[in-house]
Amino acid sequence: MEPLPDLGSLSDDDLKKEIDQLKEHEREISYQRRILHGKIDILRAELVARLQKTGGQSVLDSVDVESLTAILAGKATPPEQGDS
């Protein structure tokens, strides 16, 4: 965001133009915010629907976290393809 101009040097018309530009910018940001909130709502609804289908089970429930931690820390080698 740009800093405010020297207000003392602006005419009344220039001040009104600045106000109008900032109000338009605020409207654009508000519109984008509403779009983002809508997308968030859609994603949350999808997540809830998926969790309801799986009885609340997460795909992470079947992940071996200790094994993954060791692999990421370089203390173990990853399993061969086909091993689970």
C-alpha atoms as a PDB file:
ATOM      1  CA  MET A   1       0.000   0.000   0.000  1.00  0.00           C
ATOM      2  CA  GLU A   2       1.282   3.401  -0.924  1.00  0.00           C
ATOM      3  CA  PRO A   3       1.802   6.021   1.788  1.00  0.00           C
ATOM      4  CA  LEU A   4      -0.590   8.936   1.934  1.00  0.00           C
ATOM      5  CA  PRO A   5       0.414  11.968  -0.131  1.00  0.00           C
ATOM      6  CA  ASP A   6       1.186  15.291   1.488  1.00  0.00           C
ATOM      7  CA  LEU A   7      -2.381  16.153   2.455  1.00  0.00           C
ATOM      8  CA  GLY A   8      -1.688  19.868   2.816  1.00  0.00           C
ATOM      9  CA  SER A   9      -0.684  20.122  -0.817  1.00  0.00           C
ATOM     10  CA  LEU A  10      -3.854  18.477  -2.180  1.00  0.00           C
ATOM     11  CA  SER A  11      -6.878  20.387  -3.366  1.00  0.00           C
ATOM     12  CA  ASP A  12     -10.374  19.414  -2.227  1.00  0.00           C
ATOM     13  CA  ASP A  13     -10.936  17.654  -5.556  1.00  0.00           C
ATOM     14  CA  ASP A  14      -7.666  15.736  -5.189  1.00  0.00           C
ATOM     15  CA  LEU A  15      -8.669  14.667  -1.672  1.00  0.00           C
ATOM     16  CA  LYS A  16     -12.033  13.444  -2.994  1.00  0.00           C
ATOM     17  CA  LYS A  17     -10.250  11.500  -5.755  1.00  0.00           C
ATOM     18  CA  GLU A  18      -7.940   9.871  -3.172  1.00  0.00           C
ATOM     19  CA  ILE A  19     -10.938   8.916  -1.053  1.00  0.00           C
ATOM     20  CA  ASP A  20     -12.738   7.464  -4.080  1.00  0.00           C
ATOM     21  CA  GLN A  21      -9.649   5.472  -5.117  1.00  0.00           C
ATOM     22  CA  LEU A  22      -9.197   4.060  -1.622  1.00  0.00           C
ATOM     23  CA  LYS A  23     -12.892   3.176  -1.371  1.00  0.00           C
ATOM     24  CA  GLU A  24     -12.683   1.359  -4.707  1.00  0.00           C
ATOM     25  CA  HIS A  25      -9.572  -0.483  -3.531  1.00  0.00           C
ATOM     26  CA  GLU A  26     -11.402  -1.459  -0.332  1.00  0.00           C
ATOM     27  CA  ARG A  27     -14.354  -2.792  -2.391  1.00  0.00           C
ATOM     28  CA  GLU A  28     -11.982  -4.907  -4.482  1.00  0.00           C
ATOM     29  CA  ILE A  29     -10.276  -6.323  -1.394  1.00  0.00           C
ATOM     30  CA  SER A  30     -13.638  -7.007   0.234  1.00  0.00           C
ATOM     31  CA  TYR A  31     -14.778  -8.887  -2.876  1.00  0.00           C
ATOM     32  CA  GLN A  32     -11.607 -10.996  -2.869  1.00  0.00           C
ATOM     33  CA  ARG A  33     -12.102 -11.715   0.840  1.00  0.00           C
ATOM     34  CA  ARG A  34     -15.662 -12.934   0.194  1.00  0.00           C
ATOM     35  CA  ILE A  35     -14.416 -15.163  -2.628  1.00  0.00           C
ATOM     36  CA  LEU A  36     -11.741 -16.645  -0.342  1.00  0.00           C
ATOM     37  CA  HIS A  37     -14.249 -17.266   2.439  1.00  0.00           C
ATOM     38  CA  GLY A  38     -16.521 -19.023  -0.054  1.00  0.00           C
ATOM     39  CA  LYS A  39     -13.680 -21.268  -1.202  1.00  0.00           C
ATOM     40  CA  ILE A  40     -12.753 -22.035   2.402  1.00  0.00           C
ATOM     41  CA  ASP A  41     -16.375 -22.974   3.135  1.00  0.00           C
ATOM     42  CA  ILE A  42     -16.471 -25.288   0.098  1.00  0.00           C
ATOM     43  CA  LEU A  43     -13.207 -26.982   1.104  1.00  0.00           C
ATOM     44  CA  ARG A  44     -14.372 -27.437   4.697  1.00  0.00           C
ATOM     45  CA  ALA A  45     -17.661 -28.941   3.500  1.00  0.00           C
ATOM     46  CA  GLU A  46     -15.720 -31.375   1.303  1.00  0.00           C
ATOM     47  CA  LEU A  47     -13.501 -32.335   4.236  1.00  0.00           C
ATOM     48  CA  VAL A  48     -16.515 -32.923   6.483  1.00  0.00           C
ATOM     49  CA  ALA A  49     -18.163 -35.047   3.778  1.00  0.00           C
ATOM     50  CA  ARG A  50     -15.017 -37.150   3.405  1.00  0.00           C
ATOM     51  CA  LEU A  51     -14.651 -37.618   7.153  1.00  0.00           C
ATOM     52  CA  GLN A  52     -18.303 -38.666   7.391  1.00  0.00           C
ATOM     53  CA  LYS A  53     -17.729 -41.285   4.668  1.00  0.00           C
ATOM     54  CA  THR A  54     -14.733 -42.739   6.528  1.00  0.00           C
ATOM     55  CA  GLY A  55     -16.340 -42.591   9.960  1.00  0.00           C
ATOM     56  CA  GLY A  56     -13.915 -39.885  11.063  1.00  0.00           C
ATOM     57  CA  GLN A  57     -10.859 -41.961  10.166  1.00  0.00           C
ATOM     58  CA  SER A  58      -7.979 -39.983   8.726  1.00  0.00           C
ATOM     59  CA  VAL A  59      -5.594 -41.362   6.127  1.00  0.00           C
ATOM     60  CA  LEU A  60      -2.879 -40.516   8.638  1.00  0.00           C
ATOM     61  CA  ASP A  61      -4.267 -43.115  11.059  1.00  0.00           C
ATOM     62  CA  SER A  62      -2.570 -45.842   9.001  1.00  0.00           C
ATOM     63  CA  VAL A  63       0.778 -44.048   8.562  1.00  0.00           C
ATOM     64  CA  ASP A  64       3.801 -45.297  10.504  1.00  0.00           C
ATOM     65  CA  VAL A  65       4.916 -41.931  11.902  1.00  0.00           C
ATOM     66  CA  GLU A  66       7.981 -43.340  13.675  1.00  0.00           C
ATOM     67  CA  SER A  67       9.242 -44.919  10.462  1.00  0.00           C
ATOM     68  CA  LEU A  68       8.659 -41.696   8.521  1.00  0.00           C
ATOM     69  CA  THR A  69      10.465 -39.700  11.213  1.00  0.00           C
ATOM     70  CA  ALA A  70      13.470 -42.017  11.013  1.00  0.00           C
ATOM     71  CA  ILE A  71      13.517 -41.798   7.210  1.00  0.00           C
ATOM     72  CA  LEU A  72      13.313 -37.999   7.227  1.00  0.00           C
ATOM     73  CA  ALA A  73      16.029 -37.791   9.872  1.00  0.00           C
ATOM     74  CA  GLY A  74      18.262 -39.972   7.673  1.00  0.00           C
ATOM     75  CA  LYS A  75      18.415 -42.736  10.297  1.00  0.00           C
ATOM     76  CA  ALA A  76      16.722 -45.344   8.142  1.00  0.00           C
ATOM     77  CA  THR A  77      16.324 -46.192   4.509  1.00  0.00           C
ATOM     78  CA  PRO A  78      12.946 -45.970   2.870  1.00  0.00           C
ATOM     79  CA  PRO A  79      11.176 -49.287   2.221  1.00  0.00           C
ATOM     80  CA  GLU A  80      11.523 -50.877  -1.216  1.00  0.00           C
ATOM     81  CA  GLN A  81       8.763 -50.254  -3.758  1.00  0.00           C
ATOM     82  CA  GLY A  82       5.947 -52.708  -3.086  1.00  0.00           C
ATOM     83  CA  ASP A  83       6.817 -53.068   0.618  1.00  0.00           C
ATOM     84  CA  SER A  84       4.338 -51.581   3.028  1.00  0.00           C
END
